[in-house]
């Protein structure tokens, strides 16, 4: 399932995630630090949603959050939508 999330408090403006059977198929950030968000996206592919949420939650950059932290919230919201 593809889901688009609007992050809060970070430079990126949008995160689009594709999840199938609890596994992340793709992550795409719009905005933010291109190299960092591309790297985070690649590292997430093939991993379990719950593992990535646990790994990234609480990562700090500024404003008490970060693009990886916001990705954890996006994944959590995706889980809620699919009823996982």
PDB file of N, CA and C in Angstrom:
ATOM      1  N   UNK A   1       0.841  -1.174   0.000  1.00  0.00           N
ATOM      2  CA  UNK A   1       0.000   0.000   0.000  1.00  0.00           C
ATOM      3  C   UNK A   1       0.886   1.237   0.000  1.00  0.00           C
ATOM      4  N   UNK A   2       0.600   2.147  -0.902  1.00  0.00           N
ATOM      5  CA  UNK A   2       1.311   3.422  -0.925  1.00  0.00           C
ATOM      6  C   UNK A   2       0.579   4.408  -0.028  1.00  0.00           C
ATOM      7  N   UNK A   3       1.364   5.156   0.727  1.00  0.00           N
ATOM      8  CA  UNK A   3       0.804   6.155   1.633  1.00  0.00           C
ATOM      9  C   UNK A   3       1.690   7.392   1.591  1.00  0.00           C
ATOM     10  N   UNK A   4       1.060   8.563   1.568  1.00  0.00           N
ATOM     11  CA  UNK A   4       1.789   9.828   1.586  1.00  0.00           C
ATOM     12  C   UNK A   4       1.557  10.513   2.924  1.00  0.00           C
ATOM     13  N   UNK A   5       2.634  10.980   3.510  1.00  0.00           N
ATOM     14  CA  UNK A   5       2.625  11.605   4.831  1.00  0.00           C
ATOM     15  C   UNK A   5       3.241  12.994   4.708  1.00  0.00           C
ATOM     16  N   UNK A   6       2.655  13.963   5.394  1.00  0.00           N
ATOM     17  CA  UNK A   6       3.206  15.321   5.438  1.00  0.00           C
ATOM     18  C   UNK A   6       3.953  15.485   6.761  1.00  0.00           C
ATOM     19  N   UNK A   7       5.293  15.532   6.711  1.00  0.00           N
ATOM     20  CA  UNK A   7       6.080  15.640   7.937  1.00  0.00           C
ATOM     21  C   UNK A   7       5.945  17.016   8.597  1.00  0.00           C
ATOM     22  N   UNK A   8       6.242  17.044   9.883  1.00  0.00           N
ATOM     23  CA  UNK A   8       6.131  18.271  10.677  1.00  0.00           C
ATOM     24  C   UNK A   8       7.490  18.627  11.280  1.00  0.00           C
ATOM     25  N   UNK A   9       7.878  19.905  11.180  1.00  0.00           N
ATOM     26  CA  UNK A   9       9.082  20.392  11.854  1.00  0.00           C
ATOM     27  C   UNK A   9      10.393  20.062  11.176  1.00  0.00           C
ATOM     28  N   UNK A  10      10.349  19.623   9.904  1.00  0.00           N
ATOM     29  CA  UNK A  10      11.573  19.266   9.188  1.00  0.00           C
ATOM     30  C   UNK A  10      11.591  19.922   7.804  1.00  0.00           C
ATOM     31  N   UNK A  11      12.719  19.825   7.132  1.00  0.00           N
ATOM     32  CA  UNK A  11      12.868  20.425   5.801  1.00  0.00           C
ATOM     33  C   UNK A  11      12.091  19.678   4.728  1.00  0.00           C
ATOM     34  N   UNK A  12      11.982  18.356   4.855  1.00  0.00           N
ATOM     35  CA  UNK A  12      11.242  17.608   3.836  1.00  0.00           C
ATOM     36  C   UNK A  12       9.758  17.968   3.911  1.00  0.00           C
ATOM     37  N   UNK A  13       9.122  17.982   2.748  1.00  0.00           N
ATOM     38  CA  UNK A  13       7.720  18.409   2.664  1.00  0.00           C
ATOM     39  C   UNK A  13       6.748  17.255   2.513  1.00  0.00           C
ATOM     40  N   UNK A  14       7.263  16.081   2.138  1.00  0.00           N
ATOM     41  CA  UNK A  14       6.382  14.944   1.907  1.00  0.00           C
ATOM     42  C   UNK A  14       7.202  13.663   1.964  1.00  0.00           C
ATOM     43  N   UNK A  15       6.575  12.592   2.479  1.00  0.00           N
ATOM     44  CA  UNK A  15       7.200  11.267   2.476  1.00  0.00           C
ATOM     45  C   UNK A  15       6.172  10.309   1.889  1.00  0.00           C
ATOM     46  N   UNK A  16       6.568   9.584   0.844  1.00  0.00           N
ATOM     47  CA  UNK A  16       5.699   8.575   0.263  1.00  0.00           C
ATOM     48  C   UNK A  16       6.330   7.211   0.500  1.00  0.00           C
ATOM     49  N   UNK A  17       5.528   6.307   1.050  1.00  0.00           N
ATOM     50  CA  UNK A  17       6.004   4.986   1.442  1.00  0.00           C
ATOM     51  C   UNK A  17       5.164   3.945   0.729  1.00  0.00           C
ATOM     52  N   UNK A  18       5.809   2.867   0.302  1.00  0.00           N
ATOM     53  CA  UNK A  18       5.091   1.712  -0.226  1.00  0.00           C
ATOM     54  C   UNK A  18       5.422   0.529   0.670  1.00  0.00           C
ATOM     55  N   UNK A  19       4.377  -0.041   1.291  1.00  0.00           N
ATOM     56  CA  UNK A  19       4.535  -1.164   2.211  1.00  0.00           C
ATOM     57  C   UNK A  19       3.668  -2.309   1.723  1.00  0.00           C
ATOM     58  N   UNK A  20       4.233  -3.516   1.740  1.00  0.00           N
ATOM     59  CA  UNK A  20       3.493  -4.708   1.348  1.00  0.00           C
ATOM     60  C   UNK A  20       3.773  -5.817   2.355  1.00  0.00           C
ATOM     61  N   UNK A  21       2.732  -6.345   2.970  1.00  0.00           N
ATOM     62  CA  UNK A  21       2.866  -7.426   3.953  1.00  0.00           C
ATOM     63  C   UNK A  21       3.851  -7.089   5.070  1.00  0.00           C
ATOM     64  N   UNK A  22       3.823  -5.825   5.523  1.00  0.00           N
ATOM     65  CA  UNK A  22       4.675  -5.411   6.631  1.00  0.00           C
ATOM     66  C   UNK A  22       6.115  -5.131   6.263  1.00  0.00           C
ATOM     67  N   UNK A  23       6.437  -5.198   4.963  1.00  0.00           N
ATOM     68  CA  UNK A  23       7.806  -4.957   4.487  1.00  0.00           C
ATOM     69  C   UNK A  23       7.816  -3.678   3.647  1.00  0.00           C
ATOM     70  N   UNK A  24       8.813  -2.840   3.881  1.00  0.00           N
ATOM     71  CA  UNK A  24       8.933  -1.582   3.141  1.00  0.00           C
ATOM     72  C   UNK A  24       9.484  -1.868   1.743  1.00  0.00           C
ATOM     73  N   UNK A  25       8.736  -1.447   0.737  1.00  0.00           N
ATOM     74  CA  UNK A  25       9.135  -1.635  -0.660  1.00  0.00           C
ATOM     75  C   UNK A  25       9.852  -0.398  -1.202  1.00  0.00           C
ATOM     76  N   UNK A  26       9.428   0.795  -0.755  1.00  0.00           N
ATOM     77  CA  UNK A  26      10.098   2.024  -1.189  1.00  0.00           C
ATOM     78  C   UNK A  26       9.760   3.160  -0.234  1.00  0.00           C
ATOM     79  N   UNK A  27      10.671   4.136  -0.189  1.00  0.00           N
ATOM     80  CA  UNK A  27      10.487   5.364   0.581  1.00  0.00           C
ATOM     81  C   UNK A  27      10.992   6.497  -0.293  1.00  0.00           C
ATOM     82  N   UNK A  28      10.185   7.552  -0.418  1.00  0.00           N
ATOM     83  CA  UNK A  28      10.592   8.701  -1.221  1.00  0.00           C
ATOM     84  C   UNK A  28      10.296   9.982  -0.450  1.00  0.00           C
ATOM     85  N   UNK A  29      11.328  10.787  -0.254  1.00  0.00           N
ATOM     86  CA  UNK A  29      11.186  12.084   0.395  1.00  0.00           C
ATOM     87  C   UNK A  29      11.112  13.166  -0.669  1.00  0.00           C
ATOM     88  N   UNK A  30      10.307  14.187  -0.433  1.00  0.00           N
ATOM     89  CA  UNK A  30      10.309  15.393  -1.263  1.00  0.00           C
ATOM     90  C   UNK A  30      10.869  16.495  -0.377  1.00  0.00           C
ATOM     91  N   UNK A  31      11.971  17.081  -0.795  1.00  0.00           N
ATOM     92  CA  UNK A  31      12.638  18.096   0.009  1.00  0.00           C
ATOM     93  C   UNK A  31      13.571  17.447   1.018  1.00  0.00           C
ATOM     94  N   UNK A  32      14.148  18.270   1.858  1.00  0.00           N
ATOM     95  CA  UNK A  32      15.102  17.776   2.842  1.00  0.00           C
ATOM     96  C   UNK A  32      16.496  17.698   2.248  1.00  0.00           C
ATOM     97  N   UNK A  33      17.428  17.171   2.998  1.00  0.00           N
ATOM     98  CA  UNK A  33      18.812  17.008   2.552  1.00  0.00           C
ATOM     99  C   UNK A  33      18.872  15.793   1.634  1.00  0.00           C
ATOM    100  N   UNK A  34      19.076  16.028   0.359  1.00  0.00           N
ATOM    101  CA  UNK A  34      18.941  14.980  -0.660  1.00  0.00           C
ATOM    102  C   UNK A  34      19.766  13.729  -0.371  1.00  0.00           C
ATOM    103  N   UNK A  35      21.017  13.895  -0.030  1.00  0.00           N
ATOM    104  CA  UNK A  35      21.868  12.734   0.230  1.00  0.00           C
ATOM    105  C   UNK A  35      21.411  11.940   1.446  1.00  0.00           C
ATOM    106  N   UNK A  36      21.068  12.649   2.507  1.00  0.00           N
ATOM    107  CA  UNK A  36      20.638  11.972   3.731  1.00  0.00           C
ATOM    108  C   UNK A  36      19.316  11.233   3.538  1.00  0.00           C
ATOM    109  N   UNK A  37      18.344  11.898   2.917  1.00  0.00           N
ATOM    110  CA  UNK A  37      17.047  11.250   2.746  1.00  0.00           C
ATOM    111  C   UNK A  37      17.133  10.087   1.754  1.00  0.00           C
ATOM    112  N   UNK A  38      17.981  10.208   0.733  1.00  0.00           N
ATOM    113  CA  UNK A  38      18.173   9.095  -0.203  1.00  0.00           C
ATOM    114  C   UNK A  38      18.813   7.907   0.502  1.00  0.00           C
ATOM    115  N   UNK A  39      19.786   8.186   1.363  1.00  0.00           N
ATOM    116  CA  UNK A  39      20.442   7.115   2.113  1.00  0.00           C
ATOM    117  C   UNK A  39      19.500   6.421   3.072  1.00  0.00           C
ATOM    118  N   UNK A  40      18.724   7.195   3.806  1.00  0.00           N
ATOM    119  CA  UNK A  40      17.744   6.615   4.738  1.00  0.00           C
ATOM    120  C   UNK A  40      16.747   5.763   3.958  1.00  0.00           C
ATOM    121  N   UNK A  41      16.294   6.268   2.823  1.00  0.00           N
ATOM    122  CA  UNK A  41      15.326   5.535   2.004  1.00  0.00           C
ATOM    123  C   UNK A  41      15.881   4.180   1.583  1.00  0.00           C
ATOM    124  N   UNK A  42      17.098   4.142   1.105  1.00  0.00           N
ATOM    125  CA  UNK A  42      17.719   2.888   0.659  1.00  0.00           C
ATOM    126  C   UNK A  42      17.880   1.898   1.810  1.00  0.00           C
ATOM    127  N   UNK A  43      18.226   2.412   2.974  1.00  0.00           N
ATOM    128  CA  UNK A  43      18.429   1.532   4.127  1.00  0.00           C
ATOM    129  C   UNK A  43      17.140   0.898   4.632  1.00  0.00           C
ATOM    130  N   UNK A  44      16.001   1.518   4.327  1.00  0.00           N
ATOM    131  CA  UNK A  44      14.709   1.015   4.801  1.00  0.00           C
ATOM    132  C   UNK A  44      14.140  -0.089   3.922  1.00  0.00           C
ATOM    133  N   UNK A  45      14.458  -0.086   2.648  1.00  0.00           N
ATOM    134  CA  UNK A  45      13.867  -1.039   1.701  1.00  0.00           C
ATOM    135  C   UNK A  45      14.213  -2.477   2.096  1.00  0.00           C
ATOM    136  N   UNK A  46      13.168  -3.311   2.146  1.00  0.00           N
ATOM    137  CA  UNK A  46      13.343  -4.722   2.498  1.00  0.00           C
ATOM    138  C   UNK A  46      13.241  -5.018   3.978  1.00  0.00           C
ATOM    139  N   UNK A  47      13.115  -3.985   4.792  1.00  0.00           N
ATOM    140  CA  UNK A  47      13.019  -4.175   6.251  1.00  0.00           C
ATOM    141  C   UNK A  47      11.565  -4.181   6.712  1.00  0.00           C
ATOM    142  N   UNK A  48      11.358  -4.766   7.873  1.00  0.00           N
ATOM    143  CA  UNK A  48      10.034  -4.770   8.487  1.00  0.00           C
ATOM    144  C   UNK A  48       9.703  -3.374   8.999  1.00  0.00           C
ATOM    145  N   UNK A  49       8.442  -2.979   8.812  1.00  0.00           N
ATOM    146  CA  UNK A  49       7.983  -1.664   9.252  1.00  0.00           C
ATOM    147  C   UNK A  49       8.293  -1.451  10.729  1.00  0.00           C
ATOM    148  N   UNK A  50       7.953  -2.414  11.576  1.00  0.00           N
ATOM    149  CA  UNK A  50       8.164  -2.263  13.021  1.00  0.00           C
ATOM    150  C   UNK A  50       9.626  -2.078  13.381  1.00  0.00           C
ATOM    151  N   UNK A  51      10.511  -2.770  12.679  1.00  0.00           N
ATOM    152  CA  UNK A  51      11.950  -2.643  12.952  1.00  0.00           C
ATOM    153  C   UNK A  51      12.444  -1.233  12.637  1.00  0.00           C
ATOM    154  N   UNK A  52      11.975  -0.670  11.531  1.00  0.00           N
ATOM    155  CA  UNK A  52      12.411   0.669  11.129  1.00  0.00           C
ATOM    156  C   UNK A  52      11.831   1.731  12.066  1.00  0.00           C
ATOM    157  N   UNK A  53      10.574   1.555  12.477  1.00  0.00           N
ATOM    158  CA  UNK A  53       9.986   2.494  13.442  1.00  0.00           C
ATOM    159  C   UNK A  53      10.839   2.529  14.703  1.00  0.00           C
ATOM    160  N   UNK A  54      11.165   1.362  15.224  1.00  0.00           N
ATOM    161  CA  UNK A  54      11.959   1.280  16.458  1.00  0.00           C
ATOM    162  C   UNK A  54      13.352   1.887  16.272  1.00  0.00           C
ATOM    163  N   UNK A  55      13.940   1.646  15.133  1.00  0.00           N
ATOM    164  CA  UNK A  55      15.294   2.134  14.855  1.00  0.00           C
ATOM    165  C   UNK A  55      15.356   3.659  14.714  1.00  0.00           C
ATOM    166  N   UNK A  56      14.369   4.253  14.040  1.00  0.00           N
ATOM    167  CA  UNK A  56      14.431   5.674  13.708  1.00  0.00           C
ATOM    168  C   UNK A  56      13.741   6.605  14.702  1.00  0.00           C
ATOM    169  N   UNK A  57      12.783   6.085  15.469  1.00  0.00           N
ATOM    170  CA  UNK A  57      12.017   6.942  16.384  1.00  0.00           C
ATOM    171  C   UNK A  57      12.950   7.647  17.356  1.00  0.00           C
ATOM    172  N   UNK A  58      12.773   8.959  17.456  1.00  0.00           N
ATOM    173  CA  UNK A  58      13.548   9.754  18.403  1.00  0.00           C
ATOM    174  C   UNK A  58      14.839  10.331  17.846  1.00  0.00           C
ATOM    175  N   UNK A  59      15.176  10.048  16.590  1.00  0.00           N
ATOM    176  CA  UNK A  59      16.363  10.623  15.973  1.00  0.00           C
ATOM    177  C   UNK A  59      16.188  12.139  15.901  1.00  0.00           C
ATOM    178  N   UNK A  60      17.173  12.877  16.388  1.00  0.00           N
ATOM    179  CA  UNK A  60      17.064  14.337  16.487  1.00  0.00           C
ATOM    180  C   UNK A  60      17.910  15.045  15.431  1.00  0.00           C
ATOM    181  N   UNK A  61      17.363  16.134  14.914  1.00  0.00           N
ATOM    182  CA  UNK A  61      18.106  17.028  14.028  1.00  0.00           C
ATOM    183  C   UNK A  61      17.897  18.456  14.540  1.00  0.00           C
ATOM    184  N   UNK A  62      16.659  18.924  14.419  1.00  0.00           N
ATOM    185  CA  UNK A  62      16.285  20.226  14.973  1.00  0.00           C
ATOM    186  C   UNK A  62      14.793  20.203  15.266  1.00  0.00           C
ATOM    187  N   UNK A  63      14.351  21.146  16.056  1.00  0.00           N
ATOM    188  CA  UNK A  63      12.938  21.232  16.431  1.00  0.00           C
ATOM    189  C   UNK A  63      12.434  19.966  17.124  1.00  0.00           C
ATOM    190  N   UNK A  64      13.348  19.203  17.733  1.00  0.00           N
ATOM    191  CA  UNK A  64      12.945  18.000  18.460  1.00  0.00           C
ATOM    192  C   UNK A  64      12.572  16.826  17.579  1.00  0.00           C
ATOM    193  N   UNK A  65      12.913  16.889  16.300  1.00  0.00           N
ATOM    194  CA  UNK A  65      12.595  15.799  15.377  1.00  0.00           C
ATOM    195  C   UNK A  65      13.636  15.779  14.266  1.00  0.00           C
ATOM    196  N   UNK A  66      13.420  14.951  13.257  1.00  0.00           N
ATOM    197  CA  UNK A  66      14.300  14.848  12.087  1.00  0.00           C
ATOM    198  C   UNK A  66      13.525  14.159  10.981  1.00  0.00           C
ATOM    199  N   UNK A  67      14.090  14.124   9.789  1.00  0.00           N
ATOM    200  CA  UNK A  67      13.432  13.396   8.695  1.00  0.00           C
ATOM    201  C   UNK A  67      13.300  11.899   9.022  1.00  0.00           C
ATOM    202  N   UNK A  68      14.348  11.238   9.572  1.00  0.00           N
ATOM    203  CA  UNK A  68      14.169   9.842   9.945  1.00  0.00           C
ATOM    204  C   UNK A  68      13.091   9.652  11.033  1.00  0.00           C
ATOM    205  N   UNK A  69      13.047  10.545  12.018  1.00  0.00           N
ATOM    206  CA  UNK A  69      12.018  10.479  13.059  1.00  0.00           C
ATOM    207  C   UNK A  69      10.630  10.623  12.435  1.00  0.00           C
ATOM    208  N   UNK A  70      10.481  11.572  11.523  1.00  0.00           N
ATOM    209  CA  UNK A  70       9.197  11.762  10.856  1.00  0.00           C
ATOM    210  C   UNK A  70       8.834  10.553  10.003  1.00  0.00           C
ATOM    211  N   UNK A  71       9.819   9.886   9.417  1.00  0.00           N
ATOM    212  CA  UNK A  71       9.554   8.656   8.678  1.00  0.00           C
ATOM    213  C   UNK A  71       8.968   7.595   9.607  1.00  0.00           C
ATOM    214  N   UNK A  72       9.446   7.538  10.846  1.00  0.00           N
ATOM    215  CA  UNK A  72       8.888   6.562  11.788  1.00  0.00           C
ATOM    216  C   UNK A  72       7.411   6.835  12.041  1.00  0.00           C
ATOM    217  N   UNK A  73       7.025   8.109  12.115  1.00  0.00           N
ATOM    218  CA  UNK A  73       5.603   8.454  12.293  1.00  0.00           C
ATOM    219  C   UNK A  73       4.803   8.134  11.033  1.00  0.00           C
ATOM    220  N   UNK A  74       5.411   8.355   9.875  1.00  0.00           N
ATOM    221  CA  UNK A  74       4.741   8.026   8.609  1.00  0.00           C
ATOM    222  C   UNK A  74       4.481   6.517   8.519  1.00  0.00           C
ATOM    223  N   UNK A  75       5.460   5.730   8.939  1.00  0.00           N
ATOM    224  CA  UNK A  75       5.299   4.273   8.917  1.00  0.00           C
ATOM    225  C   UNK A  75       4.232   3.831   9.914  1.00  0.00           C
ATOM    226  N   UNK A  76       4.213   4.446  11.068  1.00  0.00           N
ATOM    227  CA  UNK A  76       3.207   4.120  12.073  1.00  0.00           C
ATOM    228  C   UNK A  76       1.794   4.428  11.532  1.00  0.00           C
ATOM    229  N   UNK A  77       1.651   5.576  10.879  1.00  0.00           N
ATOM    230  CA  UNK A  77       0.363   5.950  10.296  1.00  0.00           C
ATOM    231  C   UNK A  77      -0.041   4.965   9.203  1.00  0.00           C
ATOM    232  N   UNK A  78       0.919   4.533   8.403  1.00  0.00           N
ATOM    233  CA  UNK A  78       0.643   3.547   7.355  1.00  0.00           C
ATOM    234  C   UNK A  78       0.143   2.245   7.967  1.00  0.00           C
ATOM    235  N   UNK A  79       0.802   1.812   9.034  1.00  0.00           N
ATOM    236  CA  UNK A  79       0.361   0.595   9.748  1.00  0.00           C
ATOM    237  C   UNK A  79      -1.079   0.701  10.212  1.00  0.00           C
ATOM    238  N   UNK A  80      -1.430   1.853  10.768  1.00  0.00           N
ATOM    239  CA  UNK A  80      -2.796   2.074  11.265  1.00  0.00           C
ATOM    240  C   UNK A  80      -3.812   2.011  10.125  1.00  0.00           C
ATOM    241  N   UNK A  81      -3.445   2.535   8.972  1.00  0.00           N
ATOM    242  CA  UNK A  81      -4.358   2.544   7.830  1.00  0.00           C
ATOM    243  C   UNK A  81      -4.624   1.158   7.268  1.00  0.00           C
ATOM    244  N   UNK A  82      -3.614   0.290   7.305  1.00  0.00           N
ATOM    245  CA  UNK A  82      -3.790  -1.054   6.765  1.00  0.00           C
ATOM    246  C   UNK A  82      -4.254  -2.030   7.841  1.00  0.00           C
ATOM    247  N   UNK A  83      -4.367  -1.556   9.079  1.00  0.00           N
ATOM    248  CA  UNK A  83      -4.852  -2.412  10.153  1.00  0.00           C
ATOM    249  C   UNK A  83      -3.874  -3.463  10.615  1.00  0.00           C
ATOM    250  N   UNK A  84      -2.600  -3.209  10.414  1.00  0.00           N
ATOM    251  CA  UNK A  84      -1.565  -4.177  10.826  1.00  0.00           C
ATOM    252  C   UNK A  84      -1.262  -4.069  12.301  1.00  0.00           C
TER     253      UNK A  84
END
